[in-house]
Amino acid sequence: MNTLTRRGIRLGVITVGLAGLLVAVNAVPGAATPASGLTSVTLARGTDLSSGTIPLQEGTDIVVTEITVVPGGSSGWHSHPGGAIVVVKQGDLTVHRSIGSQCETSSYTAGQAFIEHPGEVDDVVNTGTIPYVLFVTFPRVPQGGSARIDLPDPGTCPGL
């Protein structure tokens, strides 16, 4: 047998052996323990359309709320001490952000998600024909404090 043939056979045996090992490892049951008496309900899920992150801080509260606003209604100008992670469960809304002397607007619909950064000044308006429903997680809320800070109109978004 020549050297090239022996190498081919050796490569074939090694490949079959590795494939067999891979099958055996994946066929062995995992060491995870099954849940018992647990029920998990997904309240909302959305694809994040914003950039950036919100850092967490030990010793602060994390608050989760469901917010519903009727058509034509709004959140009013506000900010959040630790920001907010928002998932739109239903409806259409427009977020007006006061950035310096500018007004930045973004629109979202059911199945989308976005972040309100800590200290960012926003007014969220229901621009749809049905109530919007949001599931919002507020990280870094002072212990026992409010997740929301009401603010006056900054005057950067005329007509609101």
N, C-alpha and C. Protein backbone atom coordinates (compact mmCIF):
# COMPACT_ATOMS: atom_id res chain seq x y z
N MET A 1 0.85 -1.17 0.00
CA MET A 1 0.00 0.00 0.00
C MET A 1 0.90 1.23 0.00
N ASN A 2 0.57 2.19 -0.85
CA ASN A 2 1.43 3.37 -0.90
C ASN A 2 1.06 4.38 0.19
N THR A 3 1.90 5.37 0.38
CA THR A 3 1.74 6.34 1.46
C THR A 3 0.46 7.15 1.31
N LEU A 4 0.10 7.53 0.11
CA LEU A 4 -1.10 8.32 -0.13
C LEU A 4 -2.35 7.54 0.26
N THR A 5 -2.41 6.26 -0.03
CA THR A 5 -3.56 5.43 0.32
C THR A 5 -3.67 5.28 1.83
N ARG A 6 -2.52 5.05 2.50
CA ARG A 6 -2.55 4.92 3.96
C ARG A 6 -3.03 6.20 4.63
N ARG A 7 -2.61 7.33 4.12
CA ARG A 7 -3.06 8.61 4.68
C ARG A 7 -4.56 8.80 4.48
N GLY A 8 -5.06 8.41 3.33
CA GLY A 8 -6.49 8.52 3.06
C GLY A 8 -7.30 7.64 3.99
N ILE A 9 -6.83 6.41 4.22
CA ILE A 9 -7.53 5.50 5.13
C ILE A 9 -7.49 6.05 6.55
N ARG A 10 -6.32 6.53 6.98
CA ARG A 10 -6.18 7.08 8.32
C ARG A 10 -7.12 8.28 8.51
N LEU A 11 -7.19 9.17 7.52
CA LEU A 11 -8.08 10.33 7.58
C LEU A 11 -9.53 9.89 7.66
N GLY A 12 -9.90 8.88 6.89
CA GLY A 12 -11.27 8.37 6.93
C GLY A 12 -11.62 7.78 8.28
N VAL A 13 -10.71 7.00 8.88
CA VAL A 13 -10.96 6.40 10.20
C VAL A 13 -11.09 7.49 11.26
N ILE A 14 -10.24 8.49 11.21
CA ILE A 14 -10.30 9.59 12.18
C ILE A 14 -11.62 10.35 12.02
N THR A 15 -12.03 10.62 10.81
CA THR A 15 -13.28 11.34 10.56
C THR A 15 -14.48 10.57 11.09
N VAL A 16 -14.52 9.24 10.80
CA VAL A 16 -15.62 8.41 11.28
C VAL A 16 -15.60 8.36 12.82
N GLY A 17 -14.43 8.25 13.41
CA GLY A 17 -14.31 8.22 14.87
C GLY A 17 -14.80 9.51 15.51
N LEU A 18 -14.41 10.67 14.96
CA LEU A 18 -14.86 11.94 15.50
C LEU A 18 -16.36 12.12 15.33
N ALA A 19 -16.90 11.69 14.20
CA ALA A 19 -18.35 11.78 13.99
C ALA A 19 -19.08 10.91 15.00
N GLY A 20 -18.57 9.71 15.26
CA GLY A 20 -19.18 8.81 16.25
C GLY A 20 -19.13 9.41 17.64
N LEU A 21 -18.02 10.02 17.99
CA LEU A 21 -17.88 10.67 19.29
C LEU A 21 -18.88 11.83 19.43
N LEU A 22 -19.03 12.62 18.37
CA LEU A 22 -19.98 13.72 18.39
C LEU A 22 -21.41 13.21 18.58
N VAL A 23 -21.79 12.17 17.91
CA VAL A 23 -23.13 11.60 18.06
C VAL A 23 -23.32 11.07 19.48
N ALA A 24 -22.32 10.39 20.02
CA ALA A 24 -22.43 9.83 21.37
C ALA A 24 -22.57 10.92 22.43
N VAL A 25 -21.80 11.99 22.31
CA VAL A 25 -21.86 13.07 23.28
C VAL A 25 -23.22 13.75 23.24
N ASN A 26 -23.77 13.97 22.05
CA ASN A 26 -25.07 14.64 21.93
C ASN A 26 -26.23 13.72 22.30
N ALA A 27 -26.04 12.42 22.30
CA ALA A 27 -27.12 11.49 22.63
C ALA A 27 -27.25 11.29 24.14
N VAL A 28 -26.20 11.60 24.91
CA VAL A 28 -26.24 11.44 26.36
C VAL A 28 -27.14 12.52 26.96
N PRO A 29 -28.09 12.17 27.82
CA PRO A 29 -28.97 13.18 28.41
C PRO A 29 -28.18 14.22 29.18
N GLY A 30 -28.65 15.46 29.15
CA GLY A 30 -27.98 16.55 29.85
C GLY A 30 -28.13 16.42 31.35
N ALA A 31 -27.33 17.19 32.06
CA ALA A 31 -27.34 17.14 33.51
C ALA A 31 -28.32 18.15 34.10
N ALA A 32 -29.05 18.88 33.25
CA ALA A 32 -29.99 19.88 33.75
C ALA A 32 -31.15 19.20 34.46
N THR A 33 -31.65 19.87 35.49
CA THR A 33 -32.82 19.33 36.22
C THR A 33 -34.08 19.93 35.63
N PRO A 34 -35.14 19.14 35.47
CA PRO A 34 -36.38 19.69 34.92
C PRO A 34 -37.09 20.56 35.95
N ALA A 35 -37.85 21.51 35.46
CA ALA A 35 -38.64 22.38 36.34
C ALA A 35 -39.78 21.57 36.94
N SER A 36 -40.23 22.01 38.09
CA SER A 36 -41.35 21.35 38.75
C SER A 36 -42.30 22.40 39.30
N GLY A 37 -43.56 22.39 38.85
CA GLY A 37 -44.54 23.35 39.34
C GLY A 37 -44.33 24.76 38.84
N LEU A 38 -43.58 24.93 37.78
CA LEU A 38 -43.26 26.26 37.26
C LEU A 38 -44.16 26.58 36.07
N THR A 39 -44.65 27.81 36.04
CA THR A 39 -45.38 28.32 34.88
C THR A 39 -44.71 29.61 34.44
N SER A 40 -44.43 29.72 33.17
CA SER A 40 -43.82 30.93 32.63
C SER A 40 -44.70 31.46 31.51
N VAL A 41 -45.09 32.73 31.62
CA VAL A 41 -45.94 33.34 30.61
C VAL A 41 -45.20 34.53 30.01
N THR A 42 -44.95 34.51 28.72
CA THR A 42 -44.33 35.64 28.05
C THR A 42 -45.38 36.72 27.91
N LEU A 43 -45.18 37.85 28.55
CA LEU A 43 -46.14 38.94 28.51
C LEU A 43 -45.97 39.79 27.26
N ALA A 44 -44.76 39.95 26.80
CA ALA A 44 -44.50 40.70 25.58
C ALA A 44 -43.10 40.36 25.11
N ARG A 45 -42.89 40.50 23.83
CA ARG A 45 -41.58 40.25 23.24
C ARG A 45 -41.42 41.24 22.10
N GLY A 46 -40.25 41.85 22.01
CA GLY A 46 -40.03 42.82 20.95
C GLY A 46 -38.59 42.83 20.48
N THR A 47 -38.39 43.19 19.23
CA THR A 47 -37.05 43.31 18.66
C THR A 47 -36.53 44.71 18.95
N ASP A 48 -35.37 44.79 19.59
CA ASP A 48 -34.79 46.08 19.99
C ASP A 48 -34.38 46.88 18.76
N LEU A 49 -34.85 48.10 18.67
CA LEU A 49 -34.53 48.98 17.55
C LEU A 49 -33.65 50.15 17.97
N SER A 50 -33.17 50.15 19.22
CA SER A 50 -32.35 51.27 19.69
C SER A 50 -30.93 50.80 19.94
N SER A 51 -30.06 51.77 20.19
CA SER A 51 -28.67 51.43 20.48
C SER A 51 -28.33 51.83 21.91
N GLY A 52 -27.28 51.25 22.41
CA GLY A 52 -26.83 51.59 23.75
C GLY A 52 -27.28 50.57 24.78
N THR A 53 -26.87 50.81 26.00
CA THR A 53 -27.19 49.90 27.09
C THR A 53 -27.62 50.71 28.31
N ILE A 54 -28.15 50.00 29.28
CA ILE A 54 -28.49 50.61 30.56
C ILE A 54 -27.75 49.81 31.63
N PRO A 55 -26.83 50.42 32.34
CA PRO A 55 -26.10 49.68 33.38
C PRO A 55 -26.97 49.44 34.61
N LEU A 56 -26.77 48.31 35.25
CA LEU A 56 -27.47 48.00 36.48
C LEU A 56 -26.61 48.42 37.66
N GLN A 57 -27.22 48.57 38.83
CA GLN A 57 -26.47 48.99 40.01
C GLN A 57 -26.99 48.24 41.23
N GLU A 58 -26.10 47.55 41.92
CA GLU A 58 -26.48 46.82 43.12
C GLU A 58 -27.08 47.78 44.14
N GLY A 59 -28.13 47.32 44.82
CA GLY A 59 -28.76 48.12 45.85
C GLY A 59 -29.88 49.00 45.35
N THR A 60 -30.14 49.01 44.04
CA THR A 60 -31.27 49.76 43.51
C THR A 60 -32.38 48.78 43.15
N ASP A 61 -33.59 49.31 42.97
CA ASP A 61 -34.72 48.47 42.61
C ASP A 61 -34.81 48.30 41.09
N ILE A 62 -35.43 47.21 40.68
CA ILE A 62 -35.84 47.00 39.29
C ILE A 62 -37.35 46.90 39.33
N VAL A 63 -38.03 47.74 38.55
CA VAL A 63 -39.49 47.81 38.55
C VAL A 63 -40.00 47.41 37.18
N VAL A 64 -41.04 46.57 37.14
CA VAL A 64 -41.65 46.16 35.89
C VAL A 64 -43.11 46.61 35.91
N THR A 65 -43.54 47.32 34.85
CA THR A 65 -44.92 47.82 34.80
C THR A 65 -45.55 47.53 33.45
N GLU A 66 -46.88 47.52 33.45
CA GLU A 66 -47.67 47.50 32.22
C GLU A 66 -48.29 48.88 32.11
N ILE A 67 -48.08 49.54 30.97
CA ILE A 67 -48.60 50.89 30.75
C ILE A 67 -49.55 50.85 29.57
N THR A 68 -50.74 51.40 29.74
CA THR A 68 -51.73 51.48 28.68
C THR A 68 -52.13 52.94 28.48
N VAL A 69 -52.13 53.39 27.23
CA VAL A 69 -52.52 54.77 26.91
C VAL A 69 -53.51 54.72 25.75
N VAL A 70 -54.63 55.44 25.90
CA VAL A 70 -55.70 55.47 24.89
C VAL A 70 -55.25 56.26 23.66
N PRO A 71 -55.92 56.03 22.51
CA PRO A 71 -55.58 56.78 21.30
C PRO A 71 -55.62 58.29 21.56
N GLY A 72 -54.59 58.99 21.08
CA GLY A 72 -54.49 60.43 21.28
C GLY A 72 -53.88 60.82 22.61
N GLY A 73 -53.77 59.88 23.54
CA GLY A 73 -53.18 60.17 24.85
C GLY A 73 -51.66 60.18 24.79
N SER A 74 -51.06 60.61 25.88
CA SER A 74 -49.59 60.65 25.91
C SER A 74 -49.09 60.41 27.33
N SER A 75 -47.82 60.13 27.43
CA SER A 75 -47.18 59.90 28.73
C SER A 75 -46.91 61.19 29.46
N GLY A 76 -46.88 62.31 28.75
CA GLY A 76 -46.42 63.57 29.33
C GLY A 76 -44.89 63.56 29.37
N TRP A 77 -44.30 64.73 29.46
CA TRP A 77 -42.85 64.82 29.49
C TRP A 77 -42.33 64.22 30.78
N HIS A 78 -41.31 63.38 30.65
CA HIS A 78 -40.79 62.66 31.82
C HIS A 78 -39.39 62.13 31.51
N SER A 79 -38.76 61.62 32.54
CA SER A 79 -37.50 60.88 32.39
C SER A 79 -37.51 59.75 33.42
N HIS A 80 -36.49 58.92 33.37
CA HIS A 80 -36.36 57.81 34.31
C HIS A 80 -34.96 57.83 34.89
N PRO A 81 -34.83 57.71 36.22
CA PRO A 81 -33.50 57.81 36.82
C PRO A 81 -32.52 56.75 36.32
N GLY A 82 -33.02 55.56 36.03
CA GLY A 82 -32.14 54.49 35.54
C GLY A 82 -32.44 54.07 34.13
N GLY A 83 -33.27 54.82 33.41
CA GLY A 83 -33.65 54.45 32.05
C GLY A 83 -34.82 53.48 32.05
N ALA A 84 -35.15 52.99 30.85
CA ALA A 84 -36.27 52.07 30.72
C ALA A 84 -36.03 51.16 29.51
N ILE A 85 -36.46 49.92 29.65
CA ILE A 85 -36.45 48.96 28.54
C ILE A 85 -37.91 48.71 28.22
N VAL A 86 -38.34 49.09 27.01
CA VAL A 86 -39.76 49.12 26.65
C VAL A 86 -40.03 48.09 25.55
N VAL A 87 -41.08 47.25 25.77
CA VAL A 87 -41.55 46.33 24.74
C VAL A 87 -42.98 46.72 24.41
N VAL A 88 -43.27 46.93 23.13
CA VAL A 88 -44.60 47.31 22.69
C VAL A 88 -45.42 46.04 22.47
N LYS A 89 -46.42 45.82 23.33
CA LYS A 89 -47.29 44.65 23.22
C LYS A 89 -48.35 44.87 22.15
N GLN A 90 -48.96 46.07 22.13
CA GLN A 90 -49.96 46.38 21.10
C GLN A 90 -49.98 47.87 20.86
N GLY A 91 -50.43 48.25 19.67
CA GLY A 91 -50.63 49.65 19.34
C GLY A 91 -49.48 50.29 18.58
N ASP A 92 -49.67 51.58 18.33
CA ASP A 92 -48.69 52.40 17.61
C ASP A 92 -48.39 53.62 18.46
N LEU A 93 -47.13 53.99 18.54
CA LEU A 93 -46.76 55.14 19.35
C LEU A 93 -45.58 55.87 18.73
N THR A 94 -45.48 57.14 19.12
CA THR A 94 -44.35 57.96 18.70
C THR A 94 -43.68 58.51 19.95
N VAL A 95 -42.37 58.34 20.01
CA VAL A 95 -41.58 58.87 21.12
C VAL A 95 -40.94 60.17 20.66
N HIS A 96 -41.19 61.24 21.40
CA HIS A 96 -40.56 62.53 21.14
C HIS A 96 -39.49 62.70 22.21
N ARG A 97 -38.24 62.87 21.78
CA ARG A 97 -37.12 63.03 22.70
C ARG A 97 -36.59 64.45 22.59
N SER A 98 -36.36 65.06 23.72
CA SER A 98 -35.75 66.38 23.76
C SER A 98 -34.25 66.18 23.92
N ILE A 99 -33.52 66.43 22.85
CA ILE A 99 -32.06 66.27 22.85
C ILE A 99 -31.45 67.66 22.66
N GLY A 100 -30.95 68.24 23.74
CA GLY A 100 -30.44 69.61 23.67
C GLY A 100 -31.56 70.54 23.26
N SER A 101 -31.39 71.23 22.13
CA SER A 101 -32.44 72.13 21.63
C SER A 101 -33.21 71.49 20.47
N GLN A 102 -33.00 70.21 20.25
CA GLN A 102 -33.62 69.50 19.13
C GLN A 102 -34.70 68.53 19.61
N CYS A 103 -35.63 68.22 18.68
CA CYS A 103 -36.66 67.22 18.93
C CYS A 103 -36.38 66.04 18.02
N GLU A 104 -36.22 64.89 18.61
CA GLU A 104 -35.99 63.66 17.83
C GLU A 104 -37.22 62.78 18.01
N THR A 105 -37.77 62.26 16.92
CA THR A 105 -38.95 61.40 17.02
C THR A 105 -38.66 60.02 16.43
N SER A 106 -39.25 59.03 17.05
CA SER A 106 -39.17 57.65 16.59
C SER A 106 -40.53 57.02 16.78
N SER A 107 -40.94 56.19 15.83
CA SER A 107 -42.23 55.50 15.94
C SER A 107 -42.01 54.01 16.12
N TYR A 108 -42.91 53.39 16.89
CA TYR A 108 -42.81 51.96 17.19
C TYR A 108 -44.19 51.33 17.10
N THR A 109 -44.21 50.04 16.80
CA THR A 109 -45.45 49.27 16.73
C THR A 109 -45.29 47.99 17.51
N ALA A 110 -46.39 47.25 17.64
CA ALA A 110 -46.38 45.99 18.38
C ALA A 110 -45.25 45.08 17.88
N GLY A 111 -44.56 44.45 18.83
CA GLY A 111 -43.46 43.55 18.50
C GLY A 111 -42.11 44.23 18.41
N GLN A 112 -42.07 45.52 18.69
CA GLN A 112 -40.80 46.23 18.68
C GLN A 112 -40.45 46.65 20.11
N ALA A 113 -39.19 46.94 20.32
CA ALA A 113 -38.72 47.34 21.65
C ALA A 113 -37.72 48.49 21.49
N PHE A 114 -37.57 49.26 22.57
CA PHE A 114 -36.61 50.35 22.54
C PHE A 114 -36.17 50.68 23.96
N ILE A 115 -35.13 51.49 24.05
CA ILE A 115 -34.56 51.90 25.33
C ILE A 115 -34.75 53.40 25.50
N GLU A 116 -35.16 53.81 26.69
CA GLU A 116 -35.10 55.22 27.08
C GLU A 116 -33.90 55.30 28.02
N HIS A 117 -32.92 56.10 27.66
CA HIS A 117 -31.68 56.19 28.42
C HIS A 117 -31.90 56.97 29.72
N PRO A 118 -31.10 56.68 30.75
CA PRO A 118 -31.24 57.40 32.03
C PRO A 118 -31.18 58.92 31.81
N GLY A 119 -32.16 59.63 32.39
CA GLY A 119 -32.19 61.09 32.31
C GLY A 119 -32.72 61.66 31.00
N GLU A 120 -32.96 60.80 29.99
CA GLU A 120 -33.49 61.26 28.70
C GLU A 120 -34.90 61.81 28.90
N VAL A 121 -35.20 62.94 28.28
CA VAL A 121 -36.51 63.59 28.44
C VAL A 121 -37.39 63.20 27.25
N ASP A 122 -38.53 62.53 27.54
CA ASP A 122 -39.41 61.99 26.50
C ASP A 122 -40.87 62.31 26.74
N ASP A 123 -41.64 62.29 25.65
CA ASP A 123 -43.10 62.29 25.69
C ASP A 123 -43.53 61.22 24.67
N VAL A 124 -44.28 60.23 25.12
CA VAL A 124 -44.70 59.12 24.26
C VAL A 124 -46.18 59.29 23.95
N VAL A 125 -46.49 59.43 22.65
CA VAL A 125 -47.85 59.74 22.21
C VAL A 125 -48.45 58.53 21.49
N ASN A 126 -49.72 58.22 21.81
CA ASN A 126 -50.43 57.15 21.12
C ASN A 126 -50.91 57.71 19.79
N THR A 127 -50.30 57.27 18.69
CA THR A 127 -50.65 57.74 17.35
C THR A 127 -51.52 56.74 16.61
N GLY A 128 -52.00 55.71 17.31
CA GLY A 128 -52.81 54.69 16.68
C GLY A 128 -54.29 54.84 16.96
N THR A 129 -55.03 53.80 16.60
CA THR A 129 -56.49 53.82 16.77
C THR A 129 -56.95 52.93 17.91
N ILE A 130 -56.00 52.25 18.56
CA ILE A 130 -56.32 51.42 19.72
C ILE A 130 -55.36 51.80 20.84
N PRO A 131 -55.68 51.46 22.09
CA PRO A 131 -54.73 51.76 23.17
C PRO A 131 -53.38 51.08 22.92
N TYR A 132 -52.31 51.79 23.24
CA TYR A 132 -51.03 51.08 23.20
C TYR A 132 -50.81 50.47 24.57
N VAL A 133 -50.19 49.29 24.55
CA VAL A 133 -49.85 48.58 25.78
C VAL A 133 -48.35 48.32 25.75
N LEU A 134 -47.69 48.78 26.80
CA LEU A 134 -46.23 48.61 26.92
C LEU A 134 -45.93 47.78 28.16
N PHE A 135 -44.93 46.94 28.07
CA PHE A 135 -44.34 46.30 29.24
C PHE A 135 -42.97 46.93 29.39
N VAL A 136 -42.77 47.56 30.55
CA VAL A 136 -41.56 48.35 30.75
C VAL A 136 -40.80 47.87 31.97
N THR A 137 -39.50 47.70 31.80
CA THR A 137 -38.61 47.36 32.92
C THR A 137 -37.76 48.59 33.21
N PHE A 138 -37.82 49.03 34.46
CA PHE A 138 -37.05 50.19 34.90
C PHE A 138 -35.92 49.72 35.82
N PRO A 139 -34.68 49.70 35.35
CA PRO A 139 -33.56 49.36 36.23
C PRO A 139 -33.08 50.59 36.99
N ARG A 140 -32.30 50.37 38.02
CA ARG A 140 -31.64 51.45 38.78
C ARG A 140 -32.60 52.46 39.36
N VAL A 141 -33.74 52.01 39.85
CA VAL A 141 -34.69 52.89 40.54
C VAL A 141 -34.22 53.00 41.99
N PRO A 142 -34.13 54.20 42.54
CA PRO A 142 -33.74 54.30 43.95
C PRO A 142 -34.68 53.46 44.81
N GLN A 143 -34.13 52.76 45.80
CA GLN A 143 -34.94 51.87 46.64
C GLN A 143 -36.17 52.59 47.16
N GLY A 144 -37.35 52.03 46.85
CA GLY A 144 -38.60 52.60 47.29
C GLY A 144 -39.01 53.87 46.56
N GLY A 145 -38.18 54.33 45.63
CA GLY A 145 -38.46 55.59 44.92
C GLY A 145 -39.26 55.38 43.66
N SER A 146 -39.49 56.46 42.96
CA SER A 146 -40.27 56.44 41.73
C SER A 146 -39.40 56.08 40.53
N ALA A 147 -40.00 55.31 39.62
CA ALA A 147 -39.32 54.95 38.37
C ALA A 147 -39.44 56.06 37.34
N ARG A 148 -40.25 57.07 37.65
CA ARG A 148 -40.57 58.14 36.70
C ARG A 148 -40.38 59.50 37.36
N ILE A 149 -39.84 60.45 36.58
CA ILE A 149 -39.69 61.83 37.03
C ILE A 149 -40.49 62.70 36.06
N ASP A 150 -41.60 63.31 36.53
CA ASP A 150 -42.41 64.20 35.69
C ASP A 150 -41.64 65.49 35.45
N LEU A 151 -41.70 66.00 34.21
CA LEU A 151 -40.95 67.19 33.83
C LEU A 151 -41.83 68.15 33.04
N PRO A 152 -41.51 69.46 33.07
CA PRO A 152 -42.25 70.41 32.25
C PRO A 152 -41.87 70.24 30.77
N ASP A 153 -42.73 70.73 29.90
CA ASP A 153 -42.45 70.70 28.45
C ASP A 153 -41.16 71.47 28.19
N PRO A 154 -40.14 70.82 27.58
CA PRO A 154 -38.87 71.52 27.35
C PRO A 154 -38.94 72.51 26.18
N GLY A 155 -40.05 72.49 25.42
CA GLY A 155 -40.21 73.44 24.32
C GLY A 155 -39.46 73.07 23.06
N THR A 156 -38.89 71.90 23.00
CA THR A 156 -38.09 71.50 21.83
C THR A 156 -38.93 70.83 20.76
N CYS A 157 -40.14 70.41 21.08
CA CYS A 157 -41.01 69.72 20.11
C CYS A 157 -42.32 70.50 19.99
N PRO A 158 -42.34 71.56 19.19
CA PRO A 158 -43.53 72.40 19.06
C PRO A 158 -44.75 71.58 18.62
N GLY A 159 -45.90 71.94 19.16
CA GLY A 159 -47.13 71.27 18.78
C GLY A 159 -47.53 70.12 19.66
N LEU A 160 -46.71 69.80 20.64
CA LEU A 160 -47.07 68.70 21.56
C LEU A 160 -47.74 69.23 22.80
